[in-house]
Each structure stands twice: as C-alpha cells, then as structure tokens.
Amino acid sequence: MSFSIDSKLGDLLDNTQTNAILEKHLPGISNHPSIGMGRSMPLKTVADFSGGMITSEHLSKIAADLAALG
C-alpha cells in the first residue's frame, strides 16, 4: 500500500513507518487531544482544520517522505 497526504490520518498513524514521518514533521501529533476526530479524514483535510498547526510546508515535506517509501 502506498501512502500520501491523501491517505486517512488514522492509516498514517497506525503504520510504524508513516507514523514516524508524521512525528518527525509534527511532533506529538499521535497524542494530540483532538486526534480522534481527524483519524477518518485525509491528512490534507485535517490540515485545513488544524488552525495553522499543519502548514502547506509541513504537507510538502511529509508528502516527499511518504513518496520516498515507495
């Protein structure tokens, strides 16, 4: 399975490799109090609701790291 910023946040969090990428760019995301609400949404959608906590720069870097996984 390939992952991207279009993948559901829950899928990214549940995979060891992709979780590490999220934590690299968004430290503490796995334990954020509101994480449960976003698990069923694509990461790029969660970014829209993050109040600026997940920026387009974050998404670009995460997308590059996810693409490198293959």
C-alpha atoms as a PDB file:
ATOM      1  CA  MET A   1       0.000   0.000   0.000  1.00  0.00           C
ATOM      2  CA  SER A   2       1.364   3.409  -0.895  1.00  0.00           C
ATOM      3  CA  PHE A   3       0.723   6.395   1.315  1.00  0.00           C
ATOM      4  CA  SER A   4       0.291  10.091   0.577  1.00  0.00           C
ATOM      5  CA  ILE A   5      -1.204  13.195   2.147  1.00  0.00           C
ATOM      6  CA  ASP A   6      -4.480  11.930   0.645  1.00  0.00           C
ATOM      7  CA  SER A   7      -4.308   8.891   2.957  1.00  0.00           C
ATOM      8  CA  LYS A   8      -6.521   8.843   6.012  1.00  0.00           C
ATOM      9  CA  LEU A   9      -4.770  10.176   9.074  1.00  0.00           C
ATOM     10  CA  GLY A  10      -5.674   7.025  11.002  1.00  0.00           C
ATOM     11  CA  ASP A  11      -3.948   4.834   8.408  1.00  0.00           C
ATOM     12  CA  LEU A  12      -0.833   7.003   8.608  1.00  0.00           C
ATOM     13  CA  LEU A  13      -0.827   6.886  12.402  1.00  0.00           C
ATOM     14  CA  ASP A  14      -1.351   3.115  12.536  1.00  0.00           C
ATOM     15  CA  ASN A  15       1.632   2.309  10.293  1.00  0.00           C
ATOM     16  CA  THR A  16       5.008   2.372  12.037  1.00  0.00           C
ATOM     17  CA  GLN A  17       6.911   3.935   9.126  1.00  0.00           C
ATOM     18  CA  THR A  18       4.370   6.595   8.281  1.00  0.00           C
ATOM     19  CA  ASN A  19       3.759   7.417  11.944  1.00  0.00           C
ATOM     20  CA  ALA A  20       7.489   8.118  12.272  1.00  0.00           C
ATOM     21  CA  ILE A  21       7.262  10.524   9.319  1.00  0.00           C
ATOM     22  CA  LEU A  22       4.322  12.356  10.887  1.00  0.00           C
ATOM     23  CA  GLU A  23       6.113  12.590  14.235  1.00  0.00           C
ATOM     24  CA  LYS A  24       9.261  13.874  12.504  1.00  0.00           C
ATOM     25  CA  HIS A  25       7.389  16.811  10.980  1.00  0.00           C
ATOM     26  CA  LEU A  26       4.559  17.195  13.503  1.00  0.00           C
ATOM     27  CA  PRO A  27       5.955  16.187  16.902  1.00  0.00           C
ATOM     28  CA  GLY A  28       3.255  14.972  19.260  1.00  0.00           C
ATOM     29  CA  ILE A  29       0.554  14.502  16.616  1.00  0.00           C
ATOM     30  CA  SER A  30      -0.053  10.920  17.742  1.00  0.00           C
ATOM     31  CA  ASN A  31      -1.035  12.112  21.193  1.00  0.00           C
ATOM     32  CA  HIS A  32      -2.909  15.290  20.283  1.00  0.00           C
ATOM     33  CA  PRO A  33      -6.176  15.535  22.260  1.00  0.00           C
ATOM     34  CA  SER A  34      -8.251  16.069  19.092  1.00  0.00           C
ATOM     35  CA  ILE A  35      -6.622  13.329  17.026  1.00  0.00           C
ATOM     36  CA  GLY A  36      -9.658  11.057  17.249  1.00  0.00           C
ATOM     37  CA  MET A  37     -11.783  13.495  15.247  1.00  0.00           C
ATOM     38  CA  GLY A  38      -9.359  13.501  12.315  1.00  0.00           C
ATOM     39  CA  ARG A  39      -8.498   9.819  12.005  1.00  0.00           C
ATOM     40  CA  SER A  40     -11.086   9.166   9.270  1.00  0.00           C
ATOM     41  CA  MET A  41     -10.079  12.180   7.172  1.00  0.00           C
ATOM     42  CA  PRO A  42      -7.217  12.543   4.687  1.00  0.00           C
ATOM     43  CA  LEU A  43      -4.196  14.297   6.183  1.00  0.00           C
ATOM     44  CA  LYS A  44      -4.563  17.238   3.786  1.00  0.00           C
ATOM     45  CA  THR A  45      -8.151  17.727   5.004  1.00  0.00           C
ATOM     46  CA  VAL A  46      -7.060  17.575   8.640  1.00  0.00           C
ATOM     47  CA  ALA A  47      -4.560  20.333   7.799  1.00  0.00           C
ATOM     48  CA  ASP A  48      -7.448  22.570   6.703  1.00  0.00           C
ATOM     49  CA  PHE A  49      -8.995  22.224  10.168  1.00  0.00           C
ATOM     50  CA  SER A  50      -5.741  22.458  12.132  1.00  0.00           C
ATOM     51  CA  GLY A  51      -5.845  26.198  12.667  1.00  0.00           C
ATOM     52  CA  GLY A  52      -2.432  26.601  11.036  1.00  0.00           C
ATOM     53  CA  MET A  53      -0.739  23.857  13.038  1.00  0.00           C
ATOM     54  CA  ILE A  54      -0.272  21.780   9.868  1.00  0.00           C
ATOM     55  CA  THR A  55       1.027  24.124   7.183  1.00  0.00           C
ATOM     56  CA  SER A  56       1.471  23.636   3.457  1.00  0.00           C
ATOM     57  CA  GLU A  57       5.205  23.404   4.160  1.00  0.00           C
ATOM     58  CA  HIS A  58       4.574  20.515   6.556  1.00  0.00           C
ATOM     59  CA  LEU A  59       2.402  18.803   3.952  1.00  0.00           C
ATOM     60  CA  SER A  60       5.078  19.204   1.266  1.00  0.00           C
ATOM     61  CA  LYS A  61       7.774  17.680   3.448  1.00  0.00           C
ATOM     62  CA  ILE A  62       5.515  14.851   4.615  1.00  0.00           C
ATOM     63  CA  ALA A  63       4.461  14.142   1.010  1.00  0.00           C
ATOM     64  CA  ALA A  64       8.105  13.890  -0.064  1.00  0.00           C
ATOM     65  CA  ASP A  65       8.960  11.499   2.764  1.00  0.00           C
ATOM     66  CA  LEU A  66       5.884   9.360   2.076  1.00  0.00           C
ATOM     67  CA  ALA A  67       6.733   9.208  -1.644  1.00  0.00           C
ATOM     68  CA  ALA A  68      10.247   8.047  -0.760  1.00  0.00           C
ATOM     69  CA  LEU A  69       8.726   4.986   0.933  1.00  0.00           C
ATOM     70  CA  GLY A  70       7.556   3.827  -2.481  1.00  0.00           C
END
